[in-house]
C-alpha atoms as a PDB file:
ATOM      1  CA  UNK A   1       4.774 -16.213  -8.798  1.00  0.00           C
ATOM      2  CA  UNK A   2       8.226 -17.671  -9.284  1.00  0.00           C
ATOM      3  CA  UNK A   3      10.380 -18.627  -6.317  1.00  0.00           C
ATOM      4  CA  UNK A   4      12.997 -15.920  -6.970  1.00  0.00           C
ATOM      5  CA  UNK A   5      10.414 -13.134  -6.739  1.00  0.00           C
ATOM      6  CA  UNK A   6       8.856 -14.719  -3.661  1.00  0.00           C
ATOM      7  CA  UNK A   7      12.292 -14.910  -2.011  1.00  0.00           C
ATOM      8  CA  UNK A   8      12.878 -11.235  -2.788  1.00  0.00           C
ATOM      9  CA  UNK A   9       9.500 -10.228  -1.371  1.00  0.00           C
ATOM     10  CA  UNK A  10      10.156 -12.323   1.732  1.00  0.00           C
ATOM     11  CA  UNK A  11      13.537 -10.655   2.136  1.00  0.00           C
ATOM     12  CA  UNK A  12      12.077  -7.129   1.908  1.00  0.00           C
ATOM     13  CA  UNK A  13       9.287  -8.188   4.277  1.00  0.00           C
ATOM     14  CA  UNK A  14      11.832  -9.381   6.855  1.00  0.00           C
ATOM     15  CA  UNK A  15      13.740  -6.089   6.656  1.00  0.00           C
ATOM     16  CA  UNK A  16      10.565  -4.014   6.717  1.00  0.00           C
ATOM     17  CA  UNK A  17       9.093  -5.787   9.714  1.00  0.00           C
ATOM     18  CA  UNK A  18      12.183  -4.864  11.786  1.00  0.00           C
ATOM     19  CA  UNK A  19      12.115  -1.240  10.674  1.00  0.00           C
ATOM     20  CA  UNK A  20      10.882   1.357  13.166  1.00  0.00           C
ATOM     21  CA  UNK A  21      11.055   4.482  11.008  1.00  0.00           C
ATOM     22  CA  UNK A  22       7.596   4.587   9.451  1.00  0.00           C
ATOM     23  CA  UNK A  23       8.662   6.180   6.147  1.00  0.00           C
ATOM     24  CA  UNK A  24      11.286   3.477   5.599  1.00  0.00           C
ATOM     25  CA  UNK A  25       8.766   0.796   6.603  1.00  0.00           C
ATOM     26  CA  UNK A  26       6.359   2.153   3.997  1.00  0.00           C
ATOM     27  CA  UNK A  27       9.088   2.005   1.317  1.00  0.00           C
ATOM     28  CA  UNK A  28       9.922  -1.593   2.193  1.00  0.00           C
ATOM     29  CA  UNK A  29       6.334  -2.825   2.112  1.00  0.00           C
ATOM     30  CA  UNK A  30       5.412  -0.878  -0.990  1.00  0.00           C
ATOM     31  CA  UNK A  31       8.390  -2.546  -2.687  1.00  0.00           C
ATOM     32  CA  UNK A  32       6.916  -5.898  -1.651  1.00  0.00           C
ATOM     33  CA  UNK A  33       3.529  -4.950  -3.063  1.00  0.00           C
ATOM     34  CA  UNK A  34       5.031  -3.582  -6.269  1.00  0.00           C
ATOM     35  CA  UNK A  35       7.177  -6.671  -6.830  1.00  0.00           C
ATOM     36  CA  UNK A  36       4.143  -8.896  -6.264  1.00  0.00           C
ATOM     37  CA  UNK A  37       1.953  -6.889  -8.621  1.00  0.00           C
ATOM     38  CA  UNK A  38       4.679  -6.832 -11.294  1.00  0.00           C
ATOM     39  CA  UNK A  39       5.284 -10.584 -11.069  1.00  0.00           C
ATOM     40  CA  UNK A  40       1.613 -11.520 -11.145  1.00  0.00           C
ATOM     41  CA  UNK A  41       0.262  -8.931 -13.579  1.00  0.00           C
ATOM     42  CA  UNK A  42       3.126  -8.856 -16.074  1.00  0.00           C
ATOM     43  CA  UNK A  43       2.675  -5.088 -16.266  1.00  0.00           C
ATOM     44  CA  UNK A  44       5.536  -2.621 -16.011  1.00  0.00           C
ATOM     45  CA  UNK A  45       3.649   0.671 -15.575  1.00  0.00           C
ATOM     46  CA  UNK A  46       2.494   1.566 -12.071  1.00  0.00           C
ATOM     47  CA  UNK A  47      -0.995   2.619 -13.168  1.00  0.00           C
ATOM     48  CA  UNK A  48      -1.480  -0.651 -15.068  1.00  0.00           C
ATOM     49  CA  UNK A  49      -0.327  -2.694 -12.050  1.00  0.00           C
ATOM     50  CA  UNK A  50      -2.798  -0.817  -9.852  1.00  0.00           C
ATOM     51  CA  UNK A  51      -5.593  -1.447 -12.376  1.00  0.00           C
ATOM     52  CA  UNK A  52      -4.711  -5.151 -12.371  1.00  0.00           C
ATOM     53  CA  UNK A  53      -4.759  -5.256  -8.568  1.00  0.00           C
ATOM     54  CA  UNK A  54      -8.182  -3.623  -8.417  1.00  0.00           C
ATOM     55  CA  UNK A  55      -9.881  -5.164 -11.447  1.00  0.00           C
ATOM     56  CA  UNK A  56      -8.602  -8.727 -11.672  1.00  0.00           C
ATOM     57  CA  UNK A  57      -8.991 -11.718  -9.405  1.00  0.00           C
ATOM     58  CA  UNK A  58      -5.662 -12.170  -7.672  1.00  0.00           C
ATOM     59  CA  UNK A  59      -4.157 -13.592  -4.499  1.00  0.00           C
ATOM     60  CA  UNK A  60      -3.464 -10.149  -3.005  1.00  0.00           C
ATOM     61  CA  UNK A  61      -7.090  -9.072  -3.313  1.00  0.00           C
ATOM     62  CA  UNK A  62      -8.295 -12.462  -2.057  1.00  0.00           C
ATOM     63  CA  UNK A  63      -6.210 -12.212   1.097  1.00  0.00           C
ATOM     64  CA  UNK A  64      -7.179  -8.577   1.718  1.00  0.00           C
ATOM     65  CA  UNK A  65     -10.599  -9.843   2.772  1.00  0.00           C
ATOM     66  CA  UNK A  66      -8.941 -12.153   5.305  1.00  0.00           C
ATOM     67  CA  UNK A  67      -7.585  -9.237   7.334  1.00  0.00           C
ATOM     68  CA  UNK A  68     -10.088  -6.502   6.542  1.00  0.00           C
ATOM     69  CA  UNK A  69     -12.261  -6.956   9.616  1.00  0.00           C
ATOM     70  CA  UNK A  70      -9.455  -7.213  12.156  1.00  0.00           C
ATOM     71  CA  UNK A  71      -9.839  -4.623  14.912  1.00  0.00           C
ATOM     72  CA  UNK A  72      -6.325  -3.216  14.578  1.00  0.00           C
ATOM     73  CA  UNK A  73      -6.495  -3.246  10.778  1.00  0.00           C
ATOM     74  CA  UNK A  74      -9.808  -1.372  10.917  1.00  0.00           C
ATOM     75  CA  UNK A  75      -8.291   1.246  13.234  1.00  0.00           C
ATOM     76  CA  UNK A  76      -5.530   1.916  10.676  1.00  0.00           C
ATOM     77  CA  UNK A  77      -8.039   2.147   7.828  1.00  0.00           C
ATOM     78  CA  UNK A  78     -10.227   4.459   9.879  1.00  0.00           C
ATOM     79  CA  UNK A  79      -7.173   6.622  10.586  1.00  0.00           C
ATOM     80  CA  UNK A  80      -6.759   7.085   6.843  1.00  0.00           C
ATOM     81  CA  UNK A  81     -10.487   7.715   6.455  1.00  0.00           C
ATOM     82  CA  UNK A  82     -10.409  10.379   9.167  1.00  0.00           C
ATOM     83  CA  UNK A  83      -7.936  12.394   7.081  1.00  0.00           C
ATOM     84  CA  UNK A  84     -10.034  11.446   4.056  1.00  0.00           C
ATOM     85  CA  UNK A  85      -8.351  13.357   1.232  1.00  0.00           C
ATOM     86  CA  UNK A  86      -4.910  13.120  -0.348  1.00  0.00           C
ATOM     87  CA  UNK A  87      -4.017  15.662  -2.994  1.00  0.00           C
ATOM     88  CA  UNK A  88      -2.060  14.800  -6.104  1.00  0.00           C
ATOM     89  CA  UNK A  89       1.114  16.790  -5.498  1.00  0.00           C
ATOM     90  CA  UNK A  90       2.521  16.760  -9.029  1.00  0.00           C
ATOM     91  CA  UNK A  91       3.634  20.325  -9.761  1.00  0.00           C
ATOM     92  CA  UNK A  92       2.599  20.583 -13.430  1.00  0.00           C
ATOM     93  CA  UNK A  93      -0.317  18.198 -13.938  1.00  0.00           C
ATOM     94  CA  UNK A  94      -1.992  17.366 -10.633  1.00  0.00           C
ATOM     95  CA  UNK A  95      -4.956  15.070 -10.894  1.00  0.00           C
ATOM     96  CA  UNK A  96      -8.018  15.226  -8.701  1.00  0.00           C
ATOM     97  CA  UNK A  97      -7.535  14.469  -5.005  1.00  0.00           C
ATOM     98  CA  UNK A  98      -8.121  10.904  -3.856  1.00  0.00           C
ATOM     99  CA  UNK A  99     -10.820  10.480  -1.236  1.00  0.00           C
ATOM    100  CA  UNK A 100     -11.360   7.697   1.248  1.00  0.00           C
ATOM    101  CA  UNK A 101     -14.944   7.556   2.429  1.00  0.00           C
ATOM    102  CA  UNK A 102     -15.463   3.787   2.620  1.00  0.00           C
ATOM    103  CA  UNK A 103     -12.791   1.556   4.193  1.00  0.00           C
ATOM    104  CA  UNK A 104     -14.567  -1.505   2.721  1.00  0.00           C
ATOM    105  CA  UNK A 105     -14.134  -0.232  -0.853  1.00  0.00           C
ATOM    106  CA  UNK A 106     -10.924  -1.965  -1.982  1.00  0.00           C
ATOM    107  CA  UNK A 107     -10.497   0.296  -5.018  1.00  0.00           C
ATOM    108  CA  UNK A 108     -10.871   3.452  -2.959  1.00  0.00           C
ATOM    109  CA  UNK A 109      -8.367   2.274  -0.329  1.00  0.00           C
ATOM    110  CA  UNK A 110      -5.820   1.181  -2.940  1.00  0.00           C
ATOM    111  CA  UNK A 111      -6.049   4.433  -4.900  1.00  0.00           C
ATOM    112  CA  UNK A 112      -5.719   6.397  -1.658  1.00  0.00           C
ATOM    113  CA  UNK A 113      -2.588   4.494  -0.573  1.00  0.00           C
ATOM    114  CA  UNK A 114      -1.206   4.673  -4.116  1.00  0.00           C
ATOM    115  CA  UNK A 115      -1.559   8.484  -4.067  1.00  0.00           C
ATOM    116  CA  UNK A 116       0.296   8.585  -0.740  1.00  0.00           C
ATOM    117  CA  UNK A 117       2.996   6.456  -2.396  1.00  0.00           C
ATOM    118  CA  UNK A 118       3.211   8.752  -5.411  1.00  0.00           C
ATOM    119  CA  UNK A 119       3.483  11.865  -3.270  1.00  0.00           C
ATOM    120  CA  UNK A 120       6.111  10.253  -1.040  1.00  0.00           C
ATOM    121  CA  UNK A 121       8.195   8.752  -3.852  1.00  0.00           C
ATOM    122  CA  UNK A 122       8.186  12.060  -5.735  1.00  0.00           C
ATOM    123  CA  UNK A 123       9.197  14.234  -2.791  1.00  0.00           C
ATOM    124  CA  UNK A 124       5.914  15.630  -1.513  1.00  0.00           C
ATOM    125  CA  UNK A 125       5.600  13.975   1.907  1.00  0.00           C
ATOM    126  CA  UNK A 126       7.574  15.232   4.881  1.00  0.00           C
ATOM    127  CA  UNK A 127       8.654  13.167   7.887  1.00  0.00           C
ATOM    128  CA  UNK A 128       8.221  16.240  10.092  1.00  0.00           C
ATOM    129  CA  UNK A 129       4.649  16.993   8.979  1.00  0.00           C
ATOM    130  CA  UNK A 130       2.153  15.462  11.436  1.00  0.00           C
ATOM    131  CA  UNK A 131      -0.469  14.736   8.758  1.00  0.00           C
ATOM    132  CA  UNK A 132       2.084  13.156   6.405  1.00  0.00           C
ATOM    133  CA  UNK A 133       3.489  10.970   9.225  1.00  0.00           C
ATOM    134  CA  UNK A 134      -0.030   9.765  10.030  1.00  0.00           C
ATOM    135  CA  UNK A 135      -0.867   8.948   6.393  1.00  0.00           C
ATOM    136  CA  UNK A 136       2.423   7.164   5.772  1.00  0.00           C
ATOM    137  CA  UNK A 137       2.331   5.418   9.162  1.00  0.00           C
ATOM    138  CA  UNK A 138      -1.139   3.945   8.803  1.00  0.00           C
ATOM    139  CA  UNK A 139      -0.447   2.968   5.204  1.00  0.00           C
ATOM    140  CA  UNK A 140       2.813   1.265   6.203  1.00  0.00           C
ATOM    141  CA  UNK A 141       1.053  -0.781   8.881  1.00  0.00           C
ATOM    142  CA  UNK A 142      -1.729  -1.746   6.473  1.00  0.00           C
ATOM    143  CA  UNK A 143       0.753  -2.859   3.811  1.00  0.00           C
ATOM    144  CA  UNK A 144       2.866  -4.716   6.378  1.00  0.00           C
ATOM    145  CA  UNK A 145      -0.054  -6.707   7.763  1.00  0.00           C
ATOM    146  CA  UNK A 146      -1.423  -7.439   4.285  1.00  0.00           C
ATOM    147  CA  UNK A 147       1.887  -8.601   2.801  1.00  0.00           C
ATOM    148  CA  UNK A 148       2.689 -10.720   5.848  1.00  0.00           C
ATOM    149  CA  UNK A 149      -0.763 -12.310   5.843  1.00  0.00           C
ATOM    150  CA  UNK A 150      -0.674 -13.035   2.117  1.00  0.00           C
ATOM    151  CA  UNK A 151       2.822 -14.532   2.314  1.00  0.00           C
ATOM    152  CA  UNK A 152       1.725 -16.756   5.205  1.00  0.00           C
ATOM    153  CA  UNK A 153      -1.421 -17.904   3.409  1.00  0.00           C
ATOM    154  CA  UNK A 154       0.365 -18.733   0.158  1.00  0.00           C
ATOM    155  CA  UNK A 155       3.297 -20.809   1.457  1.00  0.00           C
END
């Protein structure tokens, strides 16, 4: 990744790590992830970037394994798993719900968090809904830890 993109990701990471509002934290760290995926994959469509992340060997996926078994990280993943299903909230063409049954299945976790992102970015997650706050909160913490770890390991 070029130094300009890395600087941008580092800047968003610094802002996100200071953020206490969980929805804003999620936005900040998803921007980091999206910028990283765009820079490394060369793709401009979100679905293609997600496919690249899941299917190709890449630094993000490599460093996911470095934090996966951490106790706190596992508690956040298990929080997502406890809820287990996220519906596609598109009003006209909803796809099938995303399920999380295995926190060790990278593809499943990424598609689950991506669906949370889609619902949130398109106006279908509420900061006053307890379930939505939990989904966004755990996802934000997962993304924060992952981005921070990957940045630290790739300096």
